[in-house]
């Protein structure tokens, strides 16, 4: 009896030690702990540390608290012009309500499945409103960020009922199906060439318009300048004639003026003849006997007896 009593005491001590060990559980900083009693959640622990439970009755289920990255598999979607696009994206998410998460999804694998479906539906709905060319041109950061934000907002709303908080959704790249790449690129090249030719034609038309405006302005300025010059010349000649009339206001002065002008005419004729015949040849001027200049020169003794 003593032997069996000692064995029973030893077993009880072992059971007590095991029960004591089973009565405690720890929670890490990056996890939630669901306290289960007969498959029913009776408590949720989110504070790190050591906690107690009823051994052999209560159990603990751990869930991750930190943000997780889910790299979605590539999926095909249709654009508004019914052309296929392959989309590669990822989602950043975390469990925000562990009790709701456990009751609706239960596991991370199921959560990833719902994230996959929600993201695909969002991409399908948004990209389905855009033509393929517009999506391909979303290379600038502003356009791509706008598309990412729209997808993010939809996925976040779709996954809230599961106790999930989506912190980010990003589209890594768009790909064309291999059979469509050549046709799309050729169409884009043709479109760029068309735009280039349009710009060139507009530039040439604008340049011709500018040249026409400049030519018109030049003609107007030159015409105005010529008219003004002619007016100045006419005014100068008029003033010159007035000065001459005032200077030669007697018959004697007028006769002297006529004599000077005749001499100027002879001088001009001699210069012109010299330039045509050469400086070494003699110059001869023939004056009629009735010429006033001939009479004046004859009276001064500058001509011969022949009247020349």
Protein backbone atom coordinates (compact mmCIF):
# COMPACT_ATOMS: atom_id res chain seq x y z
CA UNK A 1 0.00 0.00 0.00
CA UNK A 2 2.79 2.40 0.84
CA UNK A 3 4.36 1.61 -2.49
CA UNK A 4 1.17 2.42 -4.41
CA UNK A 5 0.64 5.50 -2.28
CA UNK A 6 4.07 6.80 -3.15
CA UNK A 7 3.44 6.12 -6.84
CA UNK A 8 0.12 7.95 -6.68
CA UNK A 9 1.75 10.90 -4.98
CA UNK A 10 4.44 10.99 -7.68
CA UNK A 11 1.83 10.91 -10.43
CA UNK A 12 -0.11 13.69 -8.77
CA UNK A 13 3.03 15.77 -8.43
CA UNK A 14 3.80 15.25 -12.14
CA UNK A 15 0.25 16.14 -13.08
CA UNK A 16 0.42 19.21 -10.87
CA UNK A 17 3.66 20.29 -12.54
CA UNK A 18 2.21 19.71 -16.01
CA UNK A 19 -0.99 21.52 -15.04
CA UNK A 20 1.03 24.41 -13.69
CA UNK A 21 3.03 24.51 -16.89
CA UNK A 22 -0.12 24.34 -19.00
CA UNK A 23 -1.77 27.12 -16.98
CA UNK A 24 0.52 29.78 -18.48
CA UNK A 25 1.04 30.99 -22.03
CA UNK A 26 3.04 33.85 -23.52
CA UNK A 27 2.11 36.47 -26.10
CA UNK A 28 4.76 38.12 -28.32
CA UNK A 29 4.79 41.74 -29.48
CA UNK A 30 3.85 40.83 -33.06
CA UNK A 31 0.92 38.50 -32.36
CA UNK A 32 -2.59 38.16 -30.99
CA UNK A 33 -3.64 35.28 -28.72
CA UNK A 34 -7.18 33.91 -28.82
CA UNK A 35 -8.13 32.05 -25.63
CA UNK A 36 -10.35 29.13 -26.66
CA UNK A 37 -12.61 27.05 -24.44
CA UNK A 38 -14.25 24.13 -26.19
CA UNK A 39 -13.67 25.80 -29.60
CA UNK A 40 -15.24 29.03 -28.44
CA UNK A 41 -13.23 32.25 -28.10
CA UNK A 42 -13.57 33.57 -24.57
CA UNK A 43 -10.82 36.19 -24.61
CA UNK A 44 -8.39 38.00 -26.92
CA UNK A 45 -4.95 39.02 -25.71
CA UNK A 46 -2.94 41.61 -27.64
CA UNK A 47 -0.53 42.72 -24.88
CA UNK A 48 2.82 41.01 -24.84
CA UNK A 49 3.61 39.02 -21.70
CA UNK A 50 2.67 35.94 -19.67
CA UNK A 51 -1.01 35.03 -19.21
CA UNK A 52 -2.96 32.29 -17.43
CA UNK A 53 -5.53 29.78 -18.65
CA UNK A 54 -7.26 26.65 -17.35
CA UNK A 55 -5.04 23.71 -18.19
CA UNK A 56 -6.43 20.87 -20.30
CA UNK A 57 -9.62 22.88 -20.94
CA UNK A 58 -8.50 26.15 -22.49
CA UNK A 59 -6.37 26.38 -25.62
CA UNK A 60 -4.64 29.28 -27.33
CA UNK A 61 -4.61 30.20 -31.02
CA UNK A 62 -2.02 32.70 -32.25
CA UNK A 63 -2.54 35.23 -35.06
CA UNK A 64 0.03 37.59 -36.58
CA UNK A 65 -0.29 41.25 -35.63
CA UNK A 66 2.35 42.77 -37.91
CA UNK A 67 1.87 44.02 -41.48
CA UNK A 68 2.21 41.25 -44.05
CA UNK A 69 3.11 41.39 -47.73
CA UNK A 70 1.05 39.36 -50.15
CA UNK A 71 2.45 39.25 -53.68
CA UNK A 72 -0.56 38.42 -55.82
CA UNK A 73 -0.19 36.11 -58.81
CA UNK A 74 -0.47 37.79 -62.19
CA UNK A 75 -4.04 38.04 -63.42
CA UNK A 76 -5.61 38.92 -66.77
CA UNK A 77 -8.19 41.69 -67.05
CA UNK A 78 -10.06 43.26 -69.97
CA UNK A 79 -9.89 46.96 -70.84
CA UNK A 80 -12.85 49.07 -71.95
CA UNK A 81 -12.00 48.28 -75.59
CA UNK A 82 -12.07 44.52 -74.80
CA UNK A 83 -8.32 43.99 -74.93
CA UNK A 84 -6.48 41.74 -72.49
CA UNK A 85 -3.92 43.06 -70.02
CA UNK A 86 -1.82 41.10 -67.55
CA UNK A 87 -1.52 42.84 -64.16
CA UNK A 88 1.09 42.13 -61.48
CA UNK A 89 0.42 43.67 -58.06
CA UNK A 90 0.89 43.27 -54.31
CA UNK A 91 -1.05 44.04 -51.12
CA UNK A 92 0.17 45.12 -47.68
CA UNK A 93 -2.27 44.02 -44.96
CA UNK A 94 -2.66 43.20 -41.30
CA UNK A 95 -5.25 41.81 -38.89
CA UNK A 96 -7.05 44.73 -37.22
CA UNK A 97 -9.86 42.81 -35.46
CA UNK A 98 -8.62 39.34 -34.48
CA UNK A 99 -11.99 38.05 -33.26
CA UNK A 100 -13.77 39.09 -36.48
CA UNK A 101 -10.88 37.69 -38.52
CA UNK A 102 -11.08 34.34 -36.75
CA UNK A 103 -14.84 34.04 -37.11
CA UNK A 104 -14.96 35.05 -40.81
CA UNK A 105 -11.69 33.70 -42.21
CA UNK A 106 -9.82 31.80 -39.55
CA UNK A 107 -6.45 31.42 -41.29
CA UNK A 108 -3.91 33.48 -43.21
CA UNK A 109 -4.38 31.26 -46.24
CA UNK A 110 -8.09 32.09 -46.36
CA UNK A 111 -7.23 35.79 -45.87
CA UNK A 112 -4.89 35.72 -48.85
CA UNK A 113 -7.61 34.06 -50.91
CA UNK A 114 -10.05 36.88 -50.07
CA UNK A 115 -7.42 39.54 -50.74
CA UNK A 116 -6.72 37.94 -54.10
CA UNK A 117 -10.41 37.96 -55.04
CA UNK A 118 -11.00 41.52 -53.76
CA UNK A 119 -7.96 42.95 -55.55
CA UNK A 120 -8.81 41.15 -58.79
CA UNK A 121 -12.39 42.45 -58.71
CA UNK A 122 -11.18 45.98 -58.06
CA UNK A 123 -8.62 45.83 -60.88
CA UNK A 124 -11.21 44.36 -63.22
CA UNK A 125 -13.76 47.07 -62.42
CA UNK A 126 -11.35 50.01 -62.69
CA UNK A 127 -9.28 48.87 -65.65
CA UNK A 128 -12.49 47.87 -67.41
CA UNK A 129 -13.34 51.59 -67.64
CA UNK A 130 -10.06 52.53 -69.38
CA UNK A 131 -8.88 51.84 -72.95
CA UNK A 132 -5.69 49.85 -73.41
CA UNK A 133 -3.70 52.77 -74.87
CA UNK A 134 -4.57 54.91 -71.86
CA UNK A 135 -3.35 52.21 -69.46
CA UNK A 136 -0.10 51.76 -71.37
CA UNK A 137 0.53 55.50 -71.18
CA UNK A 138 0.23 55.47 -67.37
CA UNK A 139 4.00 55.77 -67.04
CA UNK A 140 4.04 59.08 -65.16
CA UNK A 141 3.92 58.83 -61.39
CA UNK A 142 0.78 60.98 -61.05
CA UNK A 143 -1.37 58.80 -63.30
CA UNK A 144 -0.08 55.57 -61.82
CA UNK A 145 -0.56 56.80 -58.25
CA UNK A 146 -4.14 57.75 -59.03
CA UNK A 147 -4.86 54.25 -60.33
CA UNK A 148 -3.16 52.66 -57.29
CA UNK A 149 -5.19 54.85 -54.92
CA UNK A 150 -8.46 53.90 -56.57
CA UNK A 151 -7.66 50.18 -56.30
CA UNK A 152 -6.46 50.61 -52.71
CA UNK A 153 -9.67 52.35 -51.61
CA UNK A 154 -11.86 49.64 -53.11
CA UNK A 155 -9.83 46.73 -51.68
CA UNK A 156 -9.75 48.35 -48.24
CA UNK A 157 -13.54 48.68 -48.18
CA UNK A 158 -14.10 45.15 -49.48
CA UNK A 159 -11.91 43.54 -46.80
CA UNK A 160 -13.06 45.52 -43.75
CA UNK A 161 -15.83 43.03 -42.86
CA UNK A 162 -13.17 40.32 -42.42
CA UNK A 163 -11.27 42.16 -39.67
CA UNK A 164 -8.48 42.99 -42.14
CA UNK A 165 -6.85 46.40 -42.59
CA UNK A 166 -5.27 46.90 -46.01
CA UNK A 167 -2.45 49.44 -45.69
CA UNK A 168 -1.32 49.59 -49.32
CA UNK A 169 -1.99 48.24 -52.79
CA UNK A 170 0.47 48.73 -55.62
CA UNK A 171 0.46 47.69 -59.26
CA UNK A 172 4.00 46.63 -60.11
CA UNK A 173 3.56 46.46 -63.87
CA UNK A 174 1.19 46.00 -66.76
CA UNK A 175 2.02 43.44 -69.44
CA UNK A 176 0.53 42.80 -72.82
CA UNK A 177 -0.27 39.30 -73.99
CA UNK A 178 2.57 38.27 -76.31
CA UNK A 179 0.26 37.98 -79.32
CA UNK A 180 -0.87 41.61 -78.88
CA UNK A 181 2.44 43.32 -78.15
CA UNK A 182 3.57 43.86 -81.76
CA UNK A 183 0.20 45.20 -82.91
CA UNK A 184 -0.09 47.56 -79.94
CA UNK A 185 3.45 48.89 -80.34
CA UNK A 186 2.95 49.45 -84.07
CA UNK A 187 -0.30 51.28 -83.42
CA UNK A 188 1.38 53.46 -80.79
CA UNK A 189 4.26 54.26 -83.16
CA UNK A 190 1.79 55.19 -85.91
CA UNK A 191 -0.10 57.42 -83.49
CA UNK A 192 3.09 59.16 -82.38
CA UNK A 193 4.07 59.74 -86.02
CA UNK A 194 0.64 61.18 -86.73
CA UNK A 195 0.95 63.54 -83.77
CA UNK A 196 4.45 64.53 -84.91
CA UNK A 197 3.25 65.36 -88.44
CA UNK A 198 0.36 67.33 -86.97
CA UNK A 199 2.77 69.39 -84.86
CA UNK A 200 5.05 69.96 -87.85
CA UNK A 201 2.14 71.11 -90.04
CA UNK A 202 0.87 73.45 -87.32
CA UNK A 203 4.37 74.86 -86.84
CA UNK A 204 4.85 75.46 -90.56
CA UNK A 205 1.44 77.16 -90.84
CA UNK A 206 2.24 79.38 -87.86
CA UNK A 207 5.67 80.21 -89.31
CA UNK A 208 4.13 81.18 -92.67
CA UNK A 209 1.58 83.35 -90.88
CA UNK A 210 4.37 85.11 -88.97
CA UNK A 211 6.36 85.65 -92.20
CA UNK A 212 3.29 87.09 -93.93
CA UNK A 213 2.66 89.45 -91.02
CA UNK A 214 6.31 90.56 -91.03
CA UNK A 215 6.30 91.12 -94.83
CA UNK A 216 3.10 93.14 -94.54
CA UNK A 217 4.57 95.24 -91.73
CA UNK A 218 7.81 95.79 -93.70
CA UNK A 219 5.89 96.88 -96.80
CA UNK A 220 3.79 99.30 -94.78
CA UNK A 221 6.86 100.75 -93.05
CA UNK A 222 8.80 101.09 -96.32
CA UNK A 223 5.81 102.65 -98.09
CA UNK A 224 5.29 105.13 -95.28
CA UNK A 225 9.01 105.95 -95.23
CA UNK A 226 9.08 106.52 -99.01
CA UNK A 227 6.00 108.73 -98.85
CA UNK A 228 7.51 110.71 -96.01
CA UNK A 229 10.83 111.01 -97.89
CA UNK A 230 9.10 112.22 -101.04
CA UNK A 231 7.15 114.76 -99.00
CA UNK A 232 10.40 116.00 -97.42
CA UNK A 233 12.07 116.20 -100.85
CA UNK A 234 9.11 118.10 -102.30
CA UNK A 235 9.12 120.44 -99.33
CA UNK A 236 12.87 120.97 -99.77
CA UNK A 237 12.52 121.68 -103.46
CA UNK A 238 9.71 124.09 -102.77
CA UNK A 239 11.84 125.89 -100.20
CA UNK A 240 14.77 125.84 -102.64
CA UNK A 241 12.70 127.47 -105.34
CA UNK A 242 11.54 130.12 -102.89
CA UNK A 243 15.15 130.86 -101.97
CA UNK A 244 16.11 131.07 -105.66
CA UNK A 245 13.21 133.37 -106.40
CA UNK A 246 14.21 135.58 -103.49
CA UNK A 247 17.90 135.56 -104.50
CA UNK A 248 17.34 136.30 -108.23
CA UNK A 249 14.55 138.84 -108.04
CA UNK A 250 15.92 141.22 -110.76
CA UNK A 251 16.46 140.67 -114.54
CA UNK A 252 20.21 141.07 -114.14
CA UNK A 253 20.35 138.40 -111.43
CA UNK A 254 18.13 136.11 -113.44
CA UNK A 255 20.37 136.51 -116.49
CA UNK A 256 23.42 135.75 -114.37
CA UNK A 257 21.70 132.68 -112.95
CA UNK A 258 20.92 131.42 -116.46
CA UNK A 259 24.59 131.94 -117.40
CA UNK A 260 25.78 129.94 -114.37
CA UNK A 261 23.37 127.09 -115.15
CA UNK A 262 24.61 127.04 -118.78
CA UNK A 263 28.17 126.76 -117.57
CA UNK A 264 27.16 123.93 -115.25
CA UNK A 265 25.53 122.14 -118.18
CA UNK A 266 28.71 122.55 -120.29
CA UNK A 267 30.82 121.27 -117.41
CA UNK A 268 28.60 118.22 -116.94
CA UNK A 269 28.75 117.50 -120.66
CA UNK A 270 32.57 117.73 -120.69
CA UNK A 271 32.86 115.40 -117.68
CA UNK A 272 30.54 112.87 -119.31
CA UNK A 273 32.45 113.05 -122.60
CA UNK A 274 35.77 112.64 -120.83
CA UNK A 275 34.60 109.52 -119.04
CA UNK A 276 33.48 107.97 -122.33
CA UNK A 277 36.46 108.98 -124.55
CA UNK A 278 39.30 109.01 -122.05
CA UNK A 279 41.17 111.84 -120.41
CA UNK A 280 43.85 112.15 -123.17
CA UNK A 281 41.48 113.18 -125.98
CA UNK A 282 40.38 116.76 -126.76
CA UNK A 283 36.87 117.92 -125.94
CA UNK A 284 34.77 120.05 -128.27
CA UNK A 285 31.41 121.69 -127.66
CA UNK A 286 29.34 122.99 -130.57
CA UNK A 287 27.10 125.98 -129.85
CA UNK A 288 24.71 127.56 -132.31
CA UNK A 289 25.17 131.23 -133.29
CA UNK A 290 21.87 132.11 -131.70
CA UNK A 291 22.79 130.55 -128.35
CA UNK A 292 22.89 133.10 -125.54
CA UNK A 293 25.90 131.30 -124.09
CA UNK A 294 27.68 131.54 -127.45
CA UNK A 295 26.90 135.26 -127.56
CA UNK A 296 28.27 135.71 -124.05
CA UNK A 297 31.43 133.71 -124.82
CA UNK A 298 31.86 135.54 -128.14
CA UNK A 299 31.54 138.87 -126.39
CA UNK A 300 34.18 137.77 -123.93
CA UNK A 301 36.51 136.68 -126.75
CA UNK A 302 36.45 132.98 -125.84
CA UNK A 303 35.28 131.66 -129.27
CA UNK A 304 36.71 131.79 -132.79
CA UNK A 305 35.50 133.89 -135.76
CA UNK A 306 33.44 130.96 -137.02
CA UNK A 307 30.98 131.32 -134.12
CA UNK A 308 31.97 128.09 -132.45
